[in-house]
């Protein structure tokens, strides 16, 4: 059986869908699984033994240059020559649904009441009903598993094997890590300003923890915030600019990851590394809490059907709450290590 999964973006959403792969392979050991993804995120899928081929596409480039449309269409038609038995759109957007239908006629995805862009469901032959406000990870495994008659339970997800892989270690990055103190990676940026915990409060957390604190960053604004923290605290180290392959290496080596509701903190969950994810304007139903993966939510009420980008309540999460939870997780990690 040849299966194609369409999950174009974003980083955290791709990670949440990837957890299903190990269970699909358990059910169908001989199946072939390919994955259609925006080229900028393809590295997070690399080296995964459950993926036979990554199918990169650059739909985002069309926003800059409409003339690339026929180039991307031609690429999809080349992928369609693989003759898939089932194409699953785990994204639920109109553009991802069209891509799925171009790959094969036997398509599956959410029904119209389970997605924001309801017209996308018109492109699916097999429509999966699942509440839009349900846990994001449960939604992803349902839309991927159910069309293949594979039921993936919450217990299986909690007992998952880590599923992000890197092919080699990075000697330069290894030098950032300490051998005698716990290594805590801080993820200080995200796509919305209102999802970012204040740098002043991150500084207080880093000052208080007896740890080697590594700050990751993805753009110049985040780099400036990281430098601001490091200038005021000798315990903080600003990581060099890294790509997704190197990010997997960094997170896999961390004793704890602390950060906003964004891709790298969700990657820590995918790597089975201890984590604390900070939530303000987004719902905590985006993650699975485990004995090592915890969340702290601001006091605001979130409407999952209409997120409020002007909700800056993440600022109200007390630094001491993060510190106390971090100490608990580090102590537990040291006891198990």
C-alpha atoms as a PDB file:
ATOM      1  CA  UNK A   1       0.000   0.000   0.000  1.00  0.00           C
ATOM      2  CA  UNK A   2       1.275   3.442  -0.966  1.00  0.00           C
ATOM      3  CA  UNK A   3       0.232   6.286   1.345  1.00  0.00           C
ATOM      4  CA  UNK A   4       0.884  10.016   1.012  1.00  0.00           C
ATOM      5  CA  UNK A   5       0.324  12.375   3.933  1.00  0.00           C
ATOM      6  CA  UNK A   6      -0.199  16.064   3.228  1.00  0.00           C
ATOM      7  CA  UNK A   7       0.819  18.287   6.109  1.00  0.00           C
ATOM      8  CA  UNK A   8       2.466  21.374   4.678  1.00  0.00           C
ATOM      9  CA  UNK A   9       3.144  23.435   7.814  1.00  0.00           C
ATOM     10  CA  UNK A  10       3.761  24.696  10.473  1.00  0.00           C
ATOM     11  CA  UNK A  11       6.549  23.162  12.524  1.00  0.00           C
ATOM     12  CA  UNK A  12       4.538  22.211  15.601  1.00  0.00           C
ATOM     13  CA  UNK A  13       1.605  20.957  13.516  1.00  0.00           C
ATOM     14  CA  UNK A  14       3.910  18.688  11.516  1.00  0.00           C
ATOM     15  CA  UNK A  15       5.355  17.255  14.737  1.00  0.00           C
ATOM     16  CA  UNK A  16       1.855  16.595  16.106  1.00  0.00           C
ATOM     17  CA  UNK A  17       0.978  14.632  12.975  1.00  0.00           C
ATOM     18  CA  UNK A  18       4.249  12.697  12.833  1.00  0.00           C
ATOM     19  CA  UNK A  19       3.444  10.800  16.012  1.00  0.00           C
ATOM     20  CA  UNK A  20       0.946   8.701  14.019  1.00  0.00           C
ATOM     21  CA  UNK A  21       3.618   7.232  11.741  1.00  0.00           C
ATOM     22  CA  UNK A  22       5.045   4.656  14.142  1.00  0.00           C
ATOM     23  CA  UNK A  23       1.577   3.215  14.730  1.00  0.00           C
ATOM     24  CA  UNK A  24       0.717   3.113  11.023  1.00  0.00           C
ATOM     25  CA  UNK A  25       3.933   1.208  10.392  1.00  0.00           C
ATOM     26  CA  UNK A  26       3.098  -1.195  13.197  1.00  0.00           C
ATOM     27  CA  UNK A  27      -0.241  -1.952  11.561  1.00  0.00           C
ATOM     28  CA  UNK A  28       1.124  -2.079   8.002  1.00  0.00           C
ATOM     29  CA  UNK A  29       4.847  -2.939   8.156  1.00  0.00           C
ATOM     30  CA  UNK A  30       5.141  -3.202   4.369  1.00  0.00           C
ATOM     31  CA  UNK A  31       3.357   0.041   3.512  1.00  0.00           C
ATOM     32  CA  UNK A  32       5.097   2.984   1.871  1.00  0.00           C
ATOM     33  CA  UNK A  33       4.577   6.402   3.470  1.00  0.00           C
ATOM     34  CA  UNK A  34       5.526   9.612   1.660  1.00  0.00           C
ATOM     35  CA  UNK A  35       4.943  13.116   3.038  1.00  0.00           C
ATOM     36  CA  UNK A  36       4.122  16.317   1.125  1.00  0.00           C
ATOM     37  CA  UNK A  37       5.503  19.339   3.018  1.00  0.00           C
ATOM     38  CA  UNK A  38       6.564  22.942   2.492  1.00  0.00           C
ATOM     39  CA  UNK A  39      10.256  22.766   1.634  1.00  0.00           C
ATOM     40  CA  UNK A  40      11.203  25.039   4.525  1.00  0.00           C
ATOM     41  CA  UNK A  41       9.988  22.406   7.010  1.00  0.00           C
ATOM     42  CA  UNK A  42      11.204  19.266   5.250  1.00  0.00           C
ATOM     43  CA  UNK A  43      14.268  18.904   7.499  1.00  0.00           C
ATOM     44  CA  UNK A  44      12.119  18.049  10.523  1.00  0.00           C
ATOM     45  CA  UNK A  45      10.982  14.926   8.635  1.00  0.00           C
ATOM     46  CA  UNK A  46      14.463  13.850   7.569  1.00  0.00           C
ATOM     47  CA  UNK A  47      16.080  10.628   8.834  1.00  0.00           C
ATOM     48  CA  UNK A  48      12.713   9.297  10.027  1.00  0.00           C
ATOM     49  CA  UNK A  49      12.671   5.538   9.353  1.00  0.00           C
ATOM     50  CA  UNK A  50       8.871   5.573   8.980  1.00  0.00           C
ATOM     51  CA  UNK A  51       8.965   7.970   6.012  1.00  0.00           C
ATOM     52  CA  UNK A  52       9.996   6.532   2.665  1.00  0.00           C
ATOM     53  CA  UNK A  53      10.205   9.803   0.751  1.00  0.00           C
ATOM     54  CA  UNK A  54       9.778  13.470   1.582  1.00  0.00           C
ATOM     55  CA  UNK A  55       7.922  15.392  -1.141  1.00  0.00           C
ATOM     56  CA  UNK A  56       8.932  19.061  -0.806  1.00  0.00           C
ATOM     57  CA  UNK A  57       6.864  21.808  -2.370  1.00  0.00           C
ATOM     58  CA  UNK A  58       7.113  25.597  -2.187  1.00  0.00           C
ATOM     59  CA  UNK A  59       3.603  27.011  -2.198  1.00  0.00           C
ATOM     60  CA  UNK A  60       4.730  29.925  -0.040  1.00  0.00           C
ATOM     61  CA  UNK A  61       6.863  31.104  -2.941  1.00  0.00           C
ATOM     62  CA  UNK A  62       3.666  31.762  -4.903  1.00  0.00           C
ATOM     63  CA  UNK A  63       2.925  34.682  -2.602  1.00  0.00           C
ATOM     64  CA  UNK A  64       6.122  36.310  -3.834  1.00  0.00           C
ATOM     65  CA  UNK A  65       5.991  35.170  -7.457  1.00  0.00           C
ATOM     66  CA  UNK A  66       2.760  33.926  -9.056  1.00  0.00           C
ATOM     67  CA  UNK A  67       4.736  32.796 -12.108  1.00  0.00           C
ATOM     68  CA  UNK A  68       5.963  29.807 -10.129  1.00  0.00           C
ATOM     69  CA  UNK A  69       2.456  28.314 -10.118  1.00  0.00           C
ATOM     70  CA  UNK A  70       2.990  26.056 -13.118  1.00  0.00           C
ATOM     71  CA  UNK A  71       6.364  24.924 -11.759  1.00  0.00           C
ATOM     72  CA  UNK A  72       4.748  23.782  -8.509  1.00  0.00           C
ATOM     73  CA  UNK A  73       1.829  22.202 -10.397  1.00  0.00           C
ATOM     74  CA  UNK A  74       4.283  20.231 -12.512  1.00  0.00           C
ATOM     75  CA  UNK A  75       6.029  19.049  -9.359  1.00  0.00           C
ATOM     76  CA  UNK A  76       2.741  17.784  -7.901  1.00  0.00           C
ATOM     77  CA  UNK A  77       2.004  15.919 -11.115  1.00  0.00           C
ATOM     78  CA  UNK A  78       5.410  14.242 -10.899  1.00  0.00           C
ATOM     79  CA  UNK A  79       4.601  13.122  -7.372  1.00  0.00           C
ATOM     80  CA  UNK A  80       1.234  11.833  -8.573  1.00  0.00           C
ATOM     81  CA  UNK A  81       3.056   9.439 -10.911  1.00  0.00           C
ATOM     82  CA  UNK A  82       3.795   7.342  -7.814  1.00  0.00           C
ATOM     83  CA  UNK A  83       0.143   6.170  -7.943  1.00  0.00           C
ATOM     84  CA  UNK A  84      -0.853   6.410  -4.282  1.00  0.00           C
ATOM     85  CA  UNK A  85      -3.540   4.135  -2.909  1.00  0.00           C
ATOM     86  CA  UNK A  86      -4.509   6.705  -0.285  1.00  0.00           C
ATOM     87  CA  UNK A  87      -3.693  10.392   0.191  1.00  0.00           C
ATOM     88  CA  UNK A  88      -4.508  11.869   3.602  1.00  0.00           C
ATOM     89  CA  UNK A  89      -4.787  15.623   4.055  1.00  0.00           C
ATOM     90  CA  UNK A  90      -3.999  16.182   7.715  1.00  0.00           C
ATOM     91  CA  UNK A  91      -3.976  19.985   7.252  1.00  0.00           C
ATOM     92  CA  UNK A  92      -7.587  20.708   6.391  1.00  0.00           C
ATOM     93  CA  UNK A  93      -6.958  23.828   4.326  1.00  0.00           C
ATOM     94  CA  UNK A  94      -8.193  24.462   0.808  1.00  0.00           C
ATOM     95  CA  UNK A  95      -4.653  24.538  -0.597  1.00  0.00           C
ATOM     96  CA  UNK A  96      -3.670  21.276   1.108  1.00  0.00           C
ATOM     97  CA  UNK A  97      -6.904  19.613  -0.027  1.00  0.00           C
ATOM     98  CA  UNK A  98      -6.244  20.607  -3.641  1.00  0.00           C
ATOM     99  CA  UNK A  99      -2.703  19.230  -3.362  1.00  0.00           C
ATOM    100  CA  UNK A 100      -4.063  15.955  -1.972  1.00  0.00           C
ATOM    101  CA  UNK A 101      -6.566  15.636  -4.822  1.00  0.00           C
ATOM    102  CA  UNK A 102      -3.848  16.301  -7.396  1.00  0.00           C
ATOM    103  CA  UNK A 103      -1.783  13.437  -5.945  1.00  0.00           C
ATOM    104  CA  UNK A 104      -4.588  10.857  -6.246  1.00  0.00           C
ATOM    105  CA  UNK A 105      -8.360  10.522  -6.406  1.00  0.00           C
ATOM    106  CA  UNK A 106      -8.547   8.342  -3.280  1.00  0.00           C
ATOM    107  CA  UNK A 107      -8.314  11.118  -0.680  1.00  0.00           C
ATOM    108  CA  UNK A 108      -9.213  11.459   2.987  1.00  0.00           C
ATOM    109  CA  UNK A 109      -9.522  14.416   5.326  1.00  0.00           C
ATOM    110  CA  UNK A 110     -11.758  16.117   7.865  1.00  0.00           C
ATOM    111  CA  UNK A 111     -15.442  16.680   7.158  1.00  0.00           C
ATOM    112  CA  UNK A 112     -16.756  20.216   6.726  1.00  0.00           C
ATOM    113  CA  UNK A 113     -17.767  20.608  10.385  1.00  0.00           C
ATOM    114  CA  UNK A 114     -14.282  19.650  11.613  1.00  0.00           C
ATOM    115  CA  UNK A 115     -12.200  22.305   9.826  1.00  0.00           C
ATOM    116  CA  UNK A 116     -12.044  26.059   9.417  1.00  0.00           C
ATOM    117  CA  UNK A 117     -11.948  26.100   5.593  1.00  0.00           C
ATOM    118  CA  UNK A 118     -15.066  24.006   5.001  1.00  0.00           C
ATOM    119  CA  UNK A 119     -14.705  23.893   1.206  1.00  0.00           C
ATOM    120  CA  UNK A 120     -11.625  21.700   1.636  1.00  0.00           C
ATOM    121  CA  UNK A 121     -13.841  18.736   2.524  1.00  0.00           C
ATOM    122  CA  UNK A 122     -15.262  18.734  -1.021  1.00  0.00           C
ATOM    123  CA  UNK A 123     -11.961  17.303  -2.253  1.00  0.00           C
ATOM    124  CA  UNK A 124     -12.068  14.209  -0.017  1.00  0.00           C
ATOM    125  CA  UNK A 125     -13.746  10.884  -0.719  1.00  0.00           C
ATOM    126  CA  UNK A 126     -13.377   9.746   2.885  1.00  0.00           C
ATOM    127  CA  UNK A 127     -14.410  12.417   5.385  1.00  0.00           C
ATOM    128  CA  UNK A 128     -13.465  12.141   9.056  1.00  0.00           C
ATOM    129  CA  UNK A 129     -15.602  13.823  11.731  1.00  0.00           C
ATOM    130  CA  UNK A 130     -13.634  15.096  14.710  1.00  0.00           C
ATOM    131  CA  UNK A 131     -14.359  18.162  16.885  1.00  0.00           C
ATOM    132  CA  UNK A 132     -12.397  21.226  15.815  1.00  0.00           C
ATOM    133  CA  UNK A 133     -11.770  22.210  19.437  1.00  0.00           C
ATOM    134  CA  UNK A 134     -10.500  18.762  20.471  1.00  0.00           C
ATOM    135  CA  UNK A 135      -6.879  18.053  21.368  1.00  0.00           C
ATOM    136  CA  UNK A 136      -4.702  18.870  18.355  1.00  0.00           C
ATOM    137  CA  UNK A 137      -2.658  15.688  18.587  1.00  0.00           C
ATOM    138  CA  UNK A 138      -5.783  13.528  18.873  1.00  0.00           C
ATOM    139  CA  UNK A 139      -7.181  15.240  15.773  1.00  0.00           C
ATOM    140  CA  UNK A 140      -4.017  14.563  13.807  1.00  0.00           C
ATOM    141  CA  UNK A 141      -3.780  10.881  14.672  1.00  0.00           C
ATOM    142  CA  UNK A 142      -7.509  10.438  13.964  1.00  0.00           C
ATOM    143  CA  UNK A 143      -7.429  11.952  10.493  1.00  0.00           C
ATOM    144  CA  UNK A 144      -4.339   9.896   9.611  1.00  0.00           C
ATOM    145  CA  UNK A 145      -5.245   6.643  11.338  1.00  0.00           C
ATOM    146  CA  UNK A 146      -8.988   6.248  10.763  1.00  0.00           C
ATOM    147  CA  UNK A 147      -8.905   6.260   6.930  1.00  0.00           C
ATOM    148  CA  UNK A 148      -6.458   3.338   7.224  1.00  0.00           C
ATOM    149  CA  UNK A 149      -8.627   1.605   9.868  1.00  0.00           C
ATOM    150  CA  UNK A 150      -5.922   2.133  12.490  1.00  0.00           C
ATOM    151  CA  UNK A 151      -7.173   3.362  15.860  1.00  0.00           C
ATOM    152  CA  UNK A 152      -4.478   5.128  17.865  1.00  0.00           C
ATOM    153  CA  UNK A 153      -5.330   5.496  21.554  1.00  0.00           C
ATOM    154  CA  UNK A 154      -4.274   8.227  24.004  1.00  0.00           C
ATOM    155  CA  UNK A 155      -2.331   5.599  25.943  1.00  0.00           C
ATOM    156  CA  UNK A 156      -0.349   4.685  22.826  1.00  0.00           C
ATOM    157  CA  UNK A 157       0.440   8.346  22.244  1.00  0.00           C
ATOM    158  CA  UNK A 158       1.635   8.815  25.822  1.00  0.00           C
ATOM    159  CA  UNK A 159       3.829   5.719  25.501  1.00  0.00           C
ATOM    160  CA  UNK A 160       5.172   6.714  22.073  1.00  0.00           C
ATOM    161  CA  UNK A 161       8.772   6.253  21.044  1.00  0.00           C
ATOM    162  CA  UNK A 162      10.654   9.472  20.210  1.00  0.00           C
ATOM    163  CA  UNK A 163      10.195  10.180  16.514  1.00  0.00           C
ATOM    164  CA  UNK A 164      12.508  13.039  15.538  1.00  0.00           C
ATOM    165  CA  UNK A 165      15.892  11.955  14.214  1.00  0.00           C
ATOM    166  CA  UNK A 166      19.223  13.440  13.239  1.00  0.00           C
ATOM    167  CA  UNK A 167      21.990  11.624  11.367  1.00  0.00           C
ATOM    168  CA  UNK A 168      25.066  13.056  13.069  1.00  0.00           C
ATOM    169  CA  UNK A 169      26.147  15.083  16.076  1.00  0.00           C
ATOM    170  CA  UNK A 170      27.326  18.674  15.808  1.00  0.00           C
ATOM    171  CA  UNK A 171      30.684  19.200  17.522  1.00  0.00           C
ATOM    172  CA  UNK A 172      30.340  22.999  17.596  1.00  0.00           C
ATOM    173  CA  UNK A 173      26.959  22.796  19.287  1.00  0.00           C
ATOM    174  CA  UNK A 174      28.201  20.156  21.708  1.00  0.00           C
ATOM    175  CA  UNK A 175      30.574  22.781  23.102  1.00  0.00           C
ATOM    176  CA  UNK A 176      27.605  24.808  24.345  1.00  0.00           C
ATOM    177  CA  UNK A 177      26.569  22.006  26.685  1.00  0.00           C
ATOM    178  CA  UNK A 178      27.759  21.508  30.253  1.00  0.00           C
ATOM    179  CA  UNK A 179      28.831  18.156  31.660  1.00  0.00           C
ATOM    180  CA  UNK A 180      28.370  19.100  35.331  1.00  0.00           C
ATOM    181  CA  UNK A 181      25.150  21.151  35.314  1.00  0.00           C
ATOM    182  CA  UNK A 182      21.723  20.467  33.820  1.00  0.00           C
ATOM    183  CA  UNK A 183      21.284  21.931  30.362  1.00  0.00           C
ATOM    184  CA  UNK A 184      18.098  23.950  29.929  1.00  0.00           C
ATOM    185  CA  UNK A 185      17.129  25.197  26.455  1.00  0.00           C
ATOM    186  CA  UNK A 186      14.950  28.311  26.324  1.00  0.00           C
ATOM    187  CA  UNK A 187      12.719  28.962  23.300  1.00  0.00           C
ATOM    188  CA  UNK A 188      11.959  32.669  23.597  1.00  0.00           C
ATOM    189  CA  UNK A 189      10.274  33.415  20.263  1.00  0.00           C
ATOM    190  CA  UNK A 190       7.104  32.516  18.366  1.00  0.00           C
ATOM    191  CA  UNK A 191       5.013  33.789  15.465  1.00  0.00           C
ATOM    192  CA  UNK A 192       2.902  36.227  17.534  1.00  0.00           C
ATOM    193  CA  UNK A 193       4.208  38.822  19.996  1.00  0.00           C
ATOM    194  CA  UNK A 194       1.354  37.911  22.365  1.00  0.00           C
ATOM    195  CA  UNK A 195       2.607  34.306  22.576  1.00  0.00           C
ATOM    196  CA  UNK A 196       6.026  35.439  23.813  1.00  0.00           C
ATOM    197  CA  UNK A 197       6.838  35.404  27.514  1.00  0.00           C
ATOM    198  CA  UNK A 198       8.667  38.655  28.415  1.00  0.00           C
ATOM    199  CA  UNK A 199      12.461  38.573  28.185  1.00  0.00           C
ATOM    200  CA  UNK A 200      12.687  40.240  31.612  1.00  0.00           C
ATOM    201  CA  UNK A 201      10.856  37.291  33.158  1.00  0.00           C
ATOM    202  CA  UNK A 202      12.932  34.744  31.270  1.00  0.00           C
ATOM    203  CA  UNK A 203      15.963  36.531  32.735  1.00  0.00           C
ATOM    204  CA  UNK A 204      14.620  36.030  36.272  1.00  0.00           C
ATOM    205  CA  UNK A 205      14.064  32.307  35.621  1.00  0.00           C
ATOM    206  CA  UNK A 206      17.566  31.850  34.211  1.00  0.00           C
ATOM    207  CA  UNK A 207      19.139  33.795  37.094  1.00  0.00           C
ATOM    208  CA  UNK A 208      17.396  31.601  39.646  1.00  0.00           C
ATOM    209  CA  UNK A 209      18.010  28.156  38.151  1.00  0.00           C
ATOM    210  CA  UNK A 210      21.369  26.540  38.838  1.00  0.00           C
ATOM    211  CA  UNK A 211      21.725  25.390  35.255  1.00  0.00           C
ATOM    212  CA  UNK A 212      23.536  25.901  31.971  1.00  0.00           C
ATOM    213  CA  UNK A 213      20.917  27.928  30.105  1.00  0.00           C
ATOM    214  CA  UNK A 214      20.999  27.898  26.312  1.00  0.00           C
ATOM    215  CA  UNK A 215      18.833  30.356  24.378  1.00  0.00           C
ATOM    216  CA  UNK A 216      17.683  29.454  20.880  1.00  0.00           C
ATOM    217  CA  UNK A 217      16.562  32.047  18.347  1.00  0.00           C
ATOM    218  CA  UNK A 218      15.195  32.087  14.809  1.00  0.00           C
ATOM    219  CA  UNK A 219      15.317  35.707  13.631  1.00  0.00           C
ATOM    220  CA  UNK A 220      17.108  38.955  14.366  1.00  0.00           C
ATOM    221  CA  UNK A 221      14.510  40.221  16.839  1.00  0.00           C
ATOM    222  CA  UNK A 222      14.770  36.997  18.858  1.00  0.00           C
ATOM    223  CA  UNK A 223      18.558  37.222  18.664  1.00  0.00           C
ATOM    224  CA  UNK A 224      18.444  40.718  20.153  1.00  0.00           C
ATOM    225  CA  UNK A 225      16.273  39.476  23.031  1.00  0.00           C
ATOM    226  CA  UNK A 226      18.628  36.541  23.602  1.00  0.00           C
ATOM    227  CA  UNK A 227      21.648  38.870  23.641  1.00  0.00           C
ATOM    228  CA  UNK A 228      19.840  41.196  26.057  1.00  0.00           C
ATOM    229  CA  UNK A 229      19.378  38.301  28.504  1.00  0.00           C
ATOM    230  CA  UNK A 230      22.943  37.020  28.104  1.00  0.00           C
ATOM    231  CA  UNK A 231      24.397  40.485  28.705  1.00  0.00           C
ATOM    232  CA  UNK A 232      22.692  40.522  32.118  1.00  0.00           C
ATOM    233  CA  UNK A 233      23.273  36.935  33.209  1.00  0.00           C
ATOM    234  CA  UNK A 234      26.478  34.910  32.933  1.00  0.00           C
ATOM    235  CA  UNK A 235      24.486  31.670  33.188  1.00  0.00           C
ATOM    236  CA  UNK A 236      22.882  32.319  29.807  1.00  0.00           C
ATOM    237  CA  UNK A 237      24.492  31.311  26.516  1.00  0.00           C
ATOM    238  CA  UNK A 238      23.106  32.392  23.160  1.00  0.00           C
ATOM    239  CA  UNK A 239      23.217  29.547  20.672  1.00  0.00           C
ATOM    240  CA  UNK A 240      24.591  30.167  17.231  1.00  0.00           C
ATOM    241  CA  UNK A 241      22.119  30.346  14.348  1.00  0.00           C
ATOM    242  CA  UNK A 242      20.933  26.791  13.721  1.00  0.00           C
ATOM    243  CA  UNK A 243      18.775  24.991  11.184  1.00  0.00           C
ATOM    244  CA  UNK A 244      16.101  22.389  11.872  1.00  0.00           C
ATOM    245  CA  UNK A 245      18.568  19.498  11.780  1.00  0.00           C
ATOM    246  CA  UNK A 246      20.731  21.186  14.399  1.00  0.00           C
ATOM    247  CA  UNK A 247      17.661  22.112  16.432  1.00  0.00           C
ATOM    248  CA  UNK A 248      16.763  18.422  16.712  1.00  0.00           C
ATOM    249  CA  UNK A 249      20.266  17.756  18.028  1.00  0.00           C
ATOM    250  CA  UNK A 250      20.060  20.591  20.598  1.00  0.00           C
ATOM    251  CA  UNK A 251      16.647  19.579  21.915  1.00  0.00           C
ATOM    252  CA  UNK A 252      17.603  15.905  22.109  1.00  0.00           C
ATOM    253  CA  UNK A 253      20.565  16.835  24.341  1.00  0.00           C
ATOM    254  CA  UNK A 254      18.551  19.107  26.645  1.00  0.00           C
ATOM    255  CA  UNK A 255      17.672  18.122  30.196  1.00  0.00           C
ATOM    256  CA  UNK A 256      14.724  20.507  29.996  1.00  0.00           C
ATOM    257  CA  UNK A 257      13.133  22.762  27.368  1.00  0.00           C
ATOM    258  CA  UNK A 258      11.234  25.868  28.473  1.00  0.00           C
ATOM    259  CA  UNK A 259       9.444  28.035  25.959  1.00  0.00           C
ATOM    260  CA  UNK A 260       6.407  29.543  24.358  1.00  0.00           C
ATOM    261  CA  UNK A 261       3.704  27.628  22.505  1.00  0.00           C
ATOM    262  CA  UNK A 262       5.731  27.155  19.324  1.00  0.00           C
ATOM    263  CA  UNK A 263       7.392  24.512  17.170  1.00  0.00           C
ATOM    264  CA  UNK A 264      10.593  23.786  19.129  1.00  0.00           C
ATOM    265  CA  UNK A 265       8.774  23.173  22.419  1.00  0.00           C
ATOM    266  CA  UNK A 266       6.494  20.716  20.633  1.00  0.00           C
ATOM    267  CA  UNK A 267       9.594  19.078  19.178  1.00  0.00           C
ATOM    268  CA  UNK A 268      10.786  18.437  22.745  1.00  0.00           C
ATOM    269  CA  UNK A 269       7.605  16.403  23.267  1.00  0.00           C
ATOM    270  CA  UNK A 270       8.341  14.509  20.043  1.00  0.00           C
ATOM    271  CA  UNK A 271      11.823  13.721  21.338  1.00  0.00           C
ATOM    272  CA  UNK A 272      10.529  12.618  24.762  1.00  0.00           C
ATOM    273  CA  UNK A 273      12.501  15.381  26.455  1.00  0.00           C
ATOM    274  CA  UNK A 274      11.192  17.186  29.573  1.00  0.00           C
ATOM    275  CA  UNK A 275       9.483  20.452  28.712  1.00  0.00           C
ATOM    276  CA  UNK A 276       7.455  23.365  30.052  1.00  0.00           C
ATOM    277  CA  UNK A 277       5.271  25.110  27.472  1.00  0.00           C
ATOM    278  CA  UNK A 278       3.888  28.560  28.298  1.00  0.00           C
ATOM    279  CA  UNK A 279       0.409  29.402  27.003  1.00  0.00           C
ATOM    280  CA  UNK A 280      -1.311  32.762  26.742  1.00  0.00           C
ATOM    281  CA  UNK A 281      -3.690  33.354  23.802  1.00  0.00           C
ATOM    282  CA  UNK A 282      -3.672  29.737  22.575  1.00  0.00           C
ATOM    283  CA  UNK A 283      -5.404  26.652  24.055  1.00  0.00           C
ATOM    284  CA  UNK A 284      -3.508  24.051  26.076  1.00  0.00           C
ATOM    285  CA  UNK A 285      -5.383  21.405  24.080  1.00  0.00           C
ATOM    286  CA  UNK A 286      -2.564  21.732  21.563  1.00  0.00           C
ATOM    287  CA  UNK A 287      -0.374  19.411  23.627  1.00  0.00           C
ATOM    288  CA  UNK A 288      -0.349  16.203  25.636  1.00  0.00           C
ATOM    289  CA  UNK A 289       0.713  16.650  29.252  1.00  0.00           C
ATOM    290  CA  UNK A 290       2.789  13.781  30.610  1.00  0.00           C
ATOM    291  CA  UNK A 291       4.978  13.189  33.644  1.00  0.00           C
ATOM    292  CA  UNK A 292       7.770  15.085  31.861  1.00  0.00           C
ATOM    293  CA  UNK A 293       5.855  17.447  29.546  1.00  0.00           C
ATOM    294  CA  UNK A 294       3.998  20.165  31.434  1.00  0.00           C
ATOM    295  CA  UNK A 295       2.198  23.408  30.622  1.00  0.00           C
ATOM    296  CA  UNK A 296       1.592  26.676  32.428  1.00  0.00           C
ATOM    297  CA  UNK A 297      -1.407  28.692  31.250  1.00  0.00           C
ATOM    298  CA  UNK A 298      -2.162  32.356  31.830  1.00  0.00           C
ATOM    299  CA  UNK A 299      -5.463  33.323  33.516  1.00  0.00           C
ATOM    300  CA  UNK A 300      -7.211  34.266  30.243  1.00  0.00           C
ATOM    301  CA  UNK A 301     -10.021  32.244  28.679  1.00  0.00           C
ATOM    302  CA  UNK A 302      -9.267  31.098  25.129  1.00  0.00           C
ATOM    303  CA  UNK A 303     -11.871  30.589  22.422  1.00  0.00           C
ATOM    304  CA  UNK A 304     -10.314  27.930  20.146  1.00  0.00           C
ATOM    305  CA  UNK A 305     -12.635  28.972  17.304  1.00  0.00           C
ATOM    306  CA  UNK A 306     -11.407  32.580  17.383  1.00  0.00           C
ATOM    307  CA  UNK A 307      -7.982  33.193  18.883  1.00  0.00           C
ATOM    308  CA  UNK A 308      -7.259  36.662  20.212  1.00  0.00           C
ATOM    309  CA  UNK A 309      -3.828  37.846  19.078  1.00  0.00           C
ATOM    310  CA  UNK A 310      -4.166  40.820  21.419  1.00  0.00           C
ATOM    311  CA  UNK A 311      -4.319  38.589  24.493  1.00  0.00           C
ATOM    312  CA  UNK A 312      -1.009  39.314  26.242  1.00  0.00           C
ATOM    313  CA  UNK A 313      -1.963  37.487  29.416  1.00  0.00           C
ATOM    314  CA  UNK A 314       1.101  35.243  29.107  1.00  0.00           C
ATOM    315  CA  UNK A 315       2.865  38.126  30.880  1.00  0.00           C
ATOM    316  CA  UNK A 316       0.920  37.208  34.022  1.00  0.00           C
ATOM    317  CA  UNK A 317       2.450  33.743  34.449  1.00  0.00           C
ATOM    318  CA  UNK A 318       4.632  34.108  37.580  1.00  0.00           C
ATOM    319  CA  UNK A 319       8.341  33.423  37.146  1.00  0.00           C
ATOM    320  CA  UNK A 320       8.263  31.415  40.371  1.00  0.00           C
ATOM    321  CA  UNK A 321       5.722  28.996  38.877  1.00  0.00           C
ATOM    322  CA  UNK A 322       8.167  28.243  36.053  1.00  0.00           C
ATOM    323  CA  UNK A 323      11.085  27.944  38.454  1.00  0.00           C
ATOM    324  CA  UNK A 324       9.267  25.561  40.788  1.00  0.00           C
ATOM    325  CA  UNK A 325       8.087  23.335  37.947  1.00  0.00           C
ATOM    326  CA  UNK A 326      11.533  23.382  36.343  1.00  0.00           C
ATOM    327  CA  UNK A 327      13.159  22.262  39.597  1.00  0.00           C
ATOM    328  CA  UNK A 328      10.677  19.408  39.893  1.00  0.00           C
ATOM    329  CA  UNK A 329      11.338  18.199  36.354  1.00  0.00           C
ATOM    330  CA  UNK A 330      15.120  18.557  36.646  1.00  0.00           C
ATOM    331  CA  UNK A 331      15.133  16.631  39.918  1.00  0.00           C
ATOM    332  CA  UNK A 332      13.015  13.878  38.365  1.00  0.00           C
ATOM    333  CA  UNK A 333      15.223  13.781  35.275  1.00  0.00           C
ATOM    334  CA  UNK A 334      18.386  13.502  37.393  1.00  0.00           C
ATOM    335  CA  UNK A 335      16.842  10.672  39.438  1.00  0.00           C
ATOM    336  CA  UNK A 336      15.956   8.779  36.259  1.00  0.00           C
ATOM    337  CA  UNK A 337      19.224   9.544  34.514  1.00  0.00           C
END
